[in-house]
Amino acid sequence: MKGLTIKDINIGDKDYFQKTVSETDVYLYAGVTGDLNPAHINQLEAEKSMFNGRIAHGMLIAGFISAVLGMKLPGPGTIYLGQELKFTAPVKFGDTVKAEVEVIEKKEEKNIIKLSTICTNQDGVIVLKGVATVMPPK
């Protein structure tokens, strides 16, 4: 399985990954990373926060962008070089998040592309945005 090469990619190409965030997703992420922040795993403490309850880890949501890049656009064989991120709204348990990428720049001589990255919830609220830099497979 091999993703698209830089010759197959055009400015404006888009793809996405969508997932409903479950309590299990958050607990698995917390266990793997060691990020046991009460905002994510302790309902009583999280209810005292500005979010009035538990929220998903921002980096868990950013991982949905990685799913698009690594599996769809450009796809398998892609090397993730960098990511600028801004977290703009919380993701609650049960929210459905759509991670979308769009090619905004190509540097064929260096085999590098830049993609706009945006995640929205089921209400269309932007929860994360940024720019990814990747090397598509050769």
N, C-alpha and C. Protein backbone atom coordinates (compact mmCIF):
# COMPACT_ATOMS: atom_id res chain seq x y z
N MET A 1 0.84 -1.17 0.00
CA MET A 1 0.00 0.00 0.00
C MET A 1 0.89 1.24 0.00
N LYS A 2 0.69 2.11 -0.96
CA LYS A 2 1.52 3.31 -1.08
C LYS A 2 0.63 4.51 -1.38
N GLY A 3 0.96 5.63 -0.75
CA GLY A 3 0.19 6.85 -0.94
C GLY A 3 0.56 7.56 -2.23
N LEU A 4 -0.01 8.72 -2.39
CA LEU A 4 0.22 9.54 -3.57
C LEU A 4 1.61 10.16 -3.56
N THR A 5 2.25 10.20 -4.71
CA THR A 5 3.53 10.90 -4.84
C THR A 5 3.26 12.37 -5.10
N ILE A 6 4.28 13.18 -5.01
CA ILE A 6 4.10 14.62 -5.20
C ILE A 6 3.58 14.95 -6.60
N LYS A 7 3.90 14.12 -7.58
CA LYS A 7 3.41 14.34 -8.95
C LYS A 7 1.89 14.11 -9.05
N ASP A 8 1.35 13.28 -8.14
CA ASP A 8 -0.08 12.96 -8.14
C ASP A 8 -0.91 13.95 -7.33
N ILE A 9 -0.23 14.88 -6.64
CA ILE A 9 -0.90 15.79 -5.71
C ILE A 9 -0.98 17.19 -6.32
N ASN A 10 -2.14 17.82 -6.14
CA ASN A 10 -2.35 19.17 -6.67
C ASN A 10 -2.79 20.12 -5.56
N ILE A 11 -2.44 21.39 -5.72
CA ILE A 11 -2.94 22.42 -4.81
C ILE A 11 -4.48 22.32 -4.83
N GLY A 12 -5.07 22.35 -3.65
CA GLY A 12 -6.53 22.27 -3.54
C GLY A 12 -7.06 20.87 -3.28
N ASP A 13 -6.21 19.84 -3.42
CA ASP A 13 -6.65 18.48 -3.10
C ASP A 13 -7.04 18.42 -1.62
N LYS A 14 -8.11 17.68 -1.31
CA LYS A 14 -8.63 17.60 0.06
C LYS A 14 -8.97 16.16 0.43
N ASP A 15 -8.94 15.90 1.72
CA ASP A 15 -9.46 14.63 2.24
C ASP A 15 -9.76 14.82 3.72
N TYR A 16 -10.39 13.80 4.35
CA TYR A 16 -10.77 13.95 5.75
C TYR A 16 -10.87 12.59 6.44
N PHE A 17 -10.92 12.65 7.76
CA PHE A 17 -11.17 11.52 8.64
C PHE A 17 -12.18 12.02 9.67
N GLN A 18 -13.14 11.16 10.04
CA GLN A 18 -14.17 11.57 10.99
C GLN A 18 -14.36 10.49 12.04
N LYS A 19 -14.52 10.91 13.30
CA LYS A 19 -14.68 9.95 14.39
C LYS A 19 -15.44 10.59 15.54
N THR A 20 -16.28 9.79 16.18
CA THR A 20 -16.94 10.21 17.42
C THR A 20 -16.02 9.86 18.58
N VAL A 21 -15.71 10.84 19.40
CA VAL A 21 -14.76 10.66 20.50
C VAL A 21 -15.48 10.04 21.70
N SER A 22 -14.98 8.90 22.12
CA SER A 22 -15.60 8.18 23.25
C SER A 22 -14.76 8.32 24.51
N GLU A 23 -15.37 7.98 25.62
CA GLU A 23 -14.66 7.95 26.90
C GLU A 23 -13.49 6.96 26.81
N THR A 24 -13.70 5.85 26.14
CA THR A 24 -12.64 4.85 25.97
C THR A 24 -11.46 5.44 25.21
N ASP A 25 -11.73 6.19 24.14
CA ASP A 25 -10.64 6.82 23.38
C ASP A 25 -9.78 7.68 24.31
N VAL A 26 -10.44 8.48 25.14
CA VAL A 26 -9.72 9.40 26.03
C VAL A 26 -8.92 8.62 27.07
N TYR A 27 -9.51 7.58 27.65
CA TYR A 27 -8.78 6.80 28.65
C TYR A 27 -7.61 6.04 28.04
N LEU A 28 -7.79 5.51 26.84
CA LEU A 28 -6.66 4.82 26.18
C LEU A 28 -5.54 5.80 25.88
N TYR A 29 -5.88 6.98 25.38
CA TYR A 29 -4.87 7.99 25.09
C TYR A 29 -4.14 8.40 26.38
N ALA A 30 -4.90 8.61 27.45
CA ALA A 30 -4.30 8.98 28.72
C ALA A 30 -3.33 7.90 29.20
N GLY A 31 -3.73 6.64 29.05
CA GLY A 31 -2.87 5.54 29.49
C GLY A 31 -1.60 5.41 28.66
N VAL A 32 -1.73 5.57 27.37
CA VAL A 32 -0.56 5.44 26.48
C VAL A 32 0.41 6.59 26.69
N THR A 33 -0.11 7.81 26.85
CA THR A 33 0.77 8.98 26.95
C THR A 33 1.18 9.33 28.37
N GLY A 34 0.42 8.87 29.34
CA GLY A 34 0.69 9.24 30.72
C GLY A 34 0.08 10.58 31.11
N ASP A 35 -0.70 11.18 30.22
CA ASP A 35 -1.36 12.46 30.50
C ASP A 35 -2.67 12.19 31.23
N LEU A 36 -2.61 12.19 32.55
CA LEU A 36 -3.76 11.88 33.39
C LEU A 36 -4.37 13.15 33.99
N ASN A 37 -4.26 14.24 33.28
CA ASN A 37 -4.82 15.52 33.72
C ASN A 37 -6.29 15.32 34.09
N PRO A 38 -6.70 15.81 35.25
CA PRO A 38 -8.10 15.66 35.68
C PRO A 38 -9.11 16.24 34.68
N ALA A 39 -8.70 17.20 33.88
CA ALA A 39 -9.61 17.77 32.86
C ALA A 39 -10.10 16.69 31.91
N HIS A 40 -9.35 15.59 31.81
CA HIS A 40 -9.68 14.52 30.88
C HIS A 40 -10.27 13.28 31.55
N ILE A 41 -9.86 13.02 32.80
CA ILE A 41 -10.24 11.73 33.38
C ILE A 41 -11.00 11.79 34.70
N ASN A 42 -11.15 12.97 35.28
CA ASN A 42 -11.82 13.08 36.58
C ASN A 42 -13.04 13.99 36.45
N GLN A 43 -14.20 13.38 36.35
CA GLN A 43 -15.44 14.13 36.12
C GLN A 43 -15.70 15.18 37.21
N LEU A 44 -15.53 14.80 38.48
CA LEU A 44 -15.82 15.74 39.57
C LEU A 44 -14.92 16.96 39.51
N GLU A 45 -13.64 16.74 39.29
CA GLU A 45 -12.70 17.87 39.17
C GLU A 45 -12.97 18.68 37.91
N ALA A 46 -13.25 17.99 36.81
CA ALA A 46 -13.48 18.66 35.53
C ALA A 46 -14.74 19.53 35.56
N GLU A 47 -15.71 19.13 36.37
CA GLU A 47 -16.94 19.94 36.49
C GLU A 47 -16.67 21.31 37.10
N LYS A 48 -15.55 21.45 37.82
CA LYS A 48 -15.17 22.72 38.42
C LYS A 48 -14.42 23.62 37.43
N SER A 49 -14.08 23.07 36.28
CA SER A 49 -13.29 23.83 35.30
C SER A 49 -14.17 24.72 34.43
N MET A 50 -13.55 25.51 33.60
CA MET A 50 -14.29 26.39 32.68
C MET A 50 -15.10 25.61 31.65
N PHE A 51 -14.81 24.30 31.51
CA PHE A 51 -15.52 23.47 30.53
C PHE A 51 -16.70 22.72 31.14
N ASN A 52 -16.84 22.77 32.46
CA ASN A 52 -17.96 22.13 33.17
C ASN A 52 -18.06 20.63 32.93
N GLY A 53 -16.94 19.98 32.72
CA GLY A 53 -16.91 18.54 32.51
C GLY A 53 -15.65 18.14 31.76
N ARG A 54 -15.50 16.84 31.61
CA ARG A 54 -14.29 16.33 30.97
C ARG A 54 -14.25 16.67 29.48
N ILE A 55 -13.03 16.86 28.99
CA ILE A 55 -12.80 17.12 27.57
C ILE A 55 -11.71 16.18 27.07
N ALA A 56 -11.70 15.97 25.78
CA ALA A 56 -10.66 15.14 25.16
C ALA A 56 -9.34 15.90 25.12
N HIS A 57 -8.25 15.16 25.14
CA HIS A 57 -6.93 15.75 24.98
C HIS A 57 -6.84 16.42 23.60
N GLY A 58 -6.30 17.61 23.56
CA GLY A 58 -6.11 18.29 22.29
C GLY A 58 -5.25 17.49 21.32
N MET A 59 -4.22 16.84 21.85
CA MET A 59 -3.33 16.08 20.97
C MET A 59 -3.98 14.80 20.45
N LEU A 60 -4.95 14.29 21.17
CA LEU A 60 -5.73 13.16 20.64
C LEU A 60 -6.45 13.62 19.38
N ILE A 61 -7.05 14.79 19.44
CA ILE A 61 -7.76 15.32 18.28
C ILE A 61 -6.78 15.62 17.15
N ALA A 62 -5.61 16.16 17.49
CA ALA A 62 -4.58 16.42 16.47
C ALA A 62 -4.16 15.12 15.79
N GLY A 63 -4.24 14.02 16.50
CA GLY A 63 -3.92 12.72 15.91
C GLY A 63 -4.84 12.34 14.77
N PHE A 64 -6.05 12.91 14.74
CA PHE A 64 -6.96 12.63 13.63
C PHE A 64 -6.39 13.21 12.33
N ILE A 65 -5.66 14.32 12.44
CA ILE A 65 -4.99 14.88 11.26
C ILE A 65 -3.95 13.89 10.76
N SER A 66 -3.21 13.31 11.67
CA SER A 66 -2.21 12.31 11.31
C SER A 66 -2.84 11.13 10.57
N ALA A 67 -4.06 10.77 10.98
CA ALA A 67 -4.77 9.67 10.30
C ALA A 67 -5.04 10.02 8.84
N VAL A 68 -5.44 11.27 8.58
CA VAL A 68 -5.69 11.68 7.19
C VAL A 68 -4.39 11.64 6.40
N LEU A 69 -3.35 12.24 6.95
CA LEU A 69 -2.08 12.33 6.24
C LEU A 69 -1.46 10.96 5.99
N GLY A 70 -1.50 10.11 6.99
CA GLY A 70 -0.85 8.81 6.88
C GLY A 70 -1.64 7.76 6.12
N MET A 71 -2.96 7.95 6.02
CA MET A 71 -3.77 6.92 5.38
C MET A 71 -4.48 7.36 4.11
N LYS A 72 -4.63 8.68 3.89
CA LYS A 72 -5.43 9.15 2.76
C LYS A 72 -4.69 10.13 1.86
N LEU A 73 -4.27 11.29 2.39
CA LEU A 73 -3.64 12.33 1.58
C LEU A 73 -2.44 12.90 2.30
N PRO A 74 -1.23 12.56 1.90
CA PRO A 74 -0.86 11.76 0.74
C PRO A 74 -1.07 10.25 0.92
N GLY A 75 -1.06 9.75 2.18
CA GLY A 75 -1.31 8.34 2.41
C GLY A 75 -0.10 7.58 2.90
N PRO A 76 -0.17 6.24 2.87
CA PRO A 76 0.91 5.40 3.39
C PRO A 76 2.27 5.76 2.79
N GLY A 77 3.27 5.84 3.67
CA GLY A 77 4.62 6.21 3.26
C GLY A 77 4.93 7.68 3.50
N THR A 78 3.93 8.46 3.88
CA THR A 78 4.12 9.88 4.15
C THR A 78 4.95 10.07 5.41
N ILE A 79 5.86 11.04 5.36
CA ILE A 79 6.66 11.41 6.53
C ILE A 79 6.16 12.77 7.03
N TYR A 80 5.72 12.79 8.28
CA TYR A 80 5.20 14.00 8.92
C TYR A 80 6.39 14.82 9.40
N LEU A 81 6.59 16.01 8.87
CA LEU A 81 7.74 16.84 9.24
C LEU A 81 7.42 17.88 10.30
N GLY A 82 6.20 18.38 10.29
CA GLY A 82 5.87 19.42 11.26
C GLY A 82 4.39 19.74 11.25
N GLN A 83 3.97 20.41 12.33
CA GLN A 83 2.56 20.78 12.46
C GLN A 83 2.46 22.02 13.33
N GLU A 84 1.83 23.05 12.81
CA GLU A 84 1.45 24.20 13.62
C GLU A 84 0.00 23.95 14.05
N LEU A 85 -0.29 24.19 15.33
CA LEU A 85 -1.63 23.92 15.85
C LEU A 85 -2.14 25.07 16.70
N LYS A 86 -3.42 25.30 16.61
CA LYS A 86 -4.10 26.21 17.52
C LYS A 86 -5.40 25.52 17.95
N PHE A 87 -5.55 25.33 19.26
CA PHE A 87 -6.75 24.71 19.80
C PHE A 87 -7.76 25.82 20.07
N THR A 88 -8.92 25.76 19.44
CA THR A 88 -9.86 26.87 19.49
C THR A 88 -11.14 26.60 20.25
N ALA A 89 -11.45 25.34 20.52
CA ALA A 89 -12.65 24.98 21.29
C ALA A 89 -12.46 23.57 21.85
N PRO A 90 -13.10 23.27 22.99
CA PRO A 90 -12.96 21.94 23.58
C PRO A 90 -13.74 20.89 22.80
N VAL A 91 -13.27 19.65 22.92
CA VAL A 91 -13.99 18.50 22.38
C VAL A 91 -14.49 17.69 23.57
N LYS A 92 -15.79 17.52 23.65
CA LYS A 92 -16.42 16.77 24.75
C LYS A 92 -16.61 15.31 24.33
N PHE A 93 -16.75 14.44 25.30
CA PHE A 93 -17.04 13.04 25.02
C PHE A 93 -18.34 12.98 24.22
N GLY A 94 -18.36 12.19 23.17
CA GLY A 94 -19.55 12.08 22.33
C GLY A 94 -19.56 13.02 21.14
N ASP A 95 -18.64 13.99 21.11
CA ASP A 95 -18.55 14.87 19.94
C ASP A 95 -18.02 14.08 18.74
N THR A 96 -18.52 14.40 17.57
CA THR A 96 -18.00 13.81 16.33
C THR A 96 -17.12 14.86 15.68
N VAL A 97 -15.85 14.50 15.50
CA VAL A 97 -14.86 15.43 14.97
C VAL A 97 -14.48 15.03 13.56
N LYS A 98 -14.46 16.02 12.67
CA LYS A 98 -14.02 15.82 11.29
C LYS A 98 -12.70 16.56 11.11
N ALA A 99 -11.65 15.79 10.80
CA ALA A 99 -10.33 16.35 10.52
C ALA A 99 -10.17 16.45 9.01
N GLU A 100 -9.97 17.67 8.51
CA GLU A 100 -9.85 17.90 7.07
C GLU A 100 -8.49 18.51 6.75
N VAL A 101 -7.91 18.07 5.64
CA VAL A 101 -6.67 18.64 5.16
C VAL A 101 -6.85 19.11 3.72
N GLU A 102 -6.11 20.16 3.36
CA GLU A 102 -6.15 20.67 2.00
C GLU A 102 -4.73 21.10 1.61
N VAL A 103 -4.28 20.65 0.46
CA VAL A 103 -2.95 21.00 -0.03
C VAL A 103 -2.93 22.48 -0.38
N ILE A 104 -1.99 23.21 0.24
CA ILE A 104 -1.89 24.65 -0.02
C ILE A 104 -0.56 25.05 -0.65
N GLU A 105 0.42 24.14 -0.64
CA GLU A 105 1.72 24.46 -1.21
C GLU A 105 2.46 23.19 -1.59
N LYS A 106 3.18 23.25 -2.71
CA LYS A 106 4.00 22.13 -3.18
C LYS A 106 5.41 22.63 -3.46
N LYS A 107 6.39 21.89 -2.99
CA LYS A 107 7.80 22.16 -3.32
C LYS A 107 8.35 20.87 -3.92
N GLU A 108 8.11 20.71 -5.22
CA GLU A 108 8.48 19.45 -5.89
C GLU A 108 9.96 19.14 -5.76
N GLU A 109 10.82 20.16 -5.87
CA GLU A 109 12.27 19.93 -5.82
C GLU A 109 12.72 19.37 -4.48
N LYS A 110 11.96 19.62 -3.42
CA LYS A 110 12.29 19.10 -2.09
C LYS A 110 11.37 17.97 -1.66
N ASN A 111 10.39 17.62 -2.50
CA ASN A 111 9.38 16.61 -2.18
C ASN A 111 8.67 16.94 -0.86
N ILE A 112 8.20 18.19 -0.76
CA ILE A 112 7.50 18.65 0.45
C ILE A 112 6.20 19.31 0.05
N ILE A 113 5.15 19.02 0.82
CA ILE A 113 3.89 19.74 0.65
C ILE A 113 3.44 20.29 2.00
N LYS A 114 2.68 21.38 1.92
CA LYS A 114 2.05 21.96 3.11
C LYS A 114 0.55 21.84 2.93
N LEU A 115 -0.11 21.54 4.04
CA LEU A 115 -1.56 21.37 4.01
C LEU A 115 -2.20 22.17 5.13
N SER A 116 -3.28 22.82 4.80
CA SER A 116 -4.12 23.44 5.82
C SER A 116 -4.79 22.30 6.58
N THR A 117 -4.84 22.42 7.91
CA THR A 117 -5.47 21.38 8.73
C THR A 117 -6.53 22.03 9.61
N ILE A 118 -7.71 21.42 9.64
CA ILE A 118 -8.80 21.97 10.43
C ILE A 118 -9.66 20.82 10.96
N CYS A 119 -10.02 20.93 12.22
CA CYS A 119 -10.93 19.96 12.82
C CYS A 119 -12.17 20.70 13.30
N THR A 120 -13.33 20.15 12.98
CA THR A 120 -14.60 20.73 13.39
C THR A 120 -15.43 19.68 14.11
N ASN A 121 -16.33 20.14 14.97
CA ASN A 121 -17.23 19.20 15.63
C ASN A 121 -18.53 19.07 14.84
N GLN A 122 -19.46 18.31 15.36
CA GLN A 122 -20.72 18.01 14.67
C GLN A 122 -21.56 19.26 14.42
N ASP A 123 -21.27 20.34 15.13
CA ASP A 123 -22.01 21.59 14.95
C ASP A 123 -21.29 22.56 14.01
N GLY A 124 -20.16 22.09 13.44
CA GLY A 124 -19.39 22.94 12.54
C GLY A 124 -18.45 23.89 13.26
N VAL A 125 -18.33 23.76 14.58
CA VAL A 125 -17.42 24.61 15.35
C VAL A 125 -15.99 24.14 15.13
N ILE A 126 -15.10 25.07 14.82
CA ILE A 126 -13.68 24.74 14.65
C ILE A 126 -13.08 24.50 16.03
N VAL A 127 -12.50 23.31 16.21
CA VAL A 127 -11.90 22.96 17.49
C VAL A 127 -10.37 23.00 17.43
N LEU A 128 -9.83 22.96 16.22
CA LEU A 128 -8.38 22.95 16.03
C LEU A 128 -8.10 23.41 14.60
N LYS A 129 -7.03 24.18 14.41
CA LYS A 129 -6.62 24.55 13.06
C LYS A 129 -5.12 24.73 13.02
N GLY A 130 -4.56 24.62 11.82
CA GLY A 130 -3.13 24.77 11.68
C GLY A 130 -2.66 24.44 10.28
N VAL A 131 -1.36 24.17 10.19
CA VAL A 131 -0.72 23.84 8.92
C VAL A 131 0.25 22.68 9.15
N ALA A 132 0.16 21.66 8.29
CA ALA A 132 1.06 20.50 8.37
C ALA A 132 2.08 20.57 7.23
N THR A 133 3.29 20.09 7.50
CA THR A 133 4.31 19.96 6.48
C THR A 133 4.69 18.49 6.41
N VAL A 134 4.62 17.90 5.21
CA VAL A 134 4.90 16.48 5.04
C VAL A 134 5.72 16.21 3.79
N MET A 135 6.33 15.03 3.78
CA MET A 135 6.98 14.51 2.57
C MET A 135 6.16 13.33 2.09
N PRO A 136 5.56 13.45 0.90
CA PRO A 136 4.82 12.31 0.38
C PRO A 136 5.79 11.18 0.00
N PRO A 137 5.27 9.96 -0.16
CA PRO A 137 6.15 8.86 -0.58
C PRO A 137 6.71 9.11 -1.97
N LYS A 138 7.87 8.54 -2.23
CA LYS A 138 8.50 8.69 -3.56
C LYS A 138 8.06 7.58 -4.47
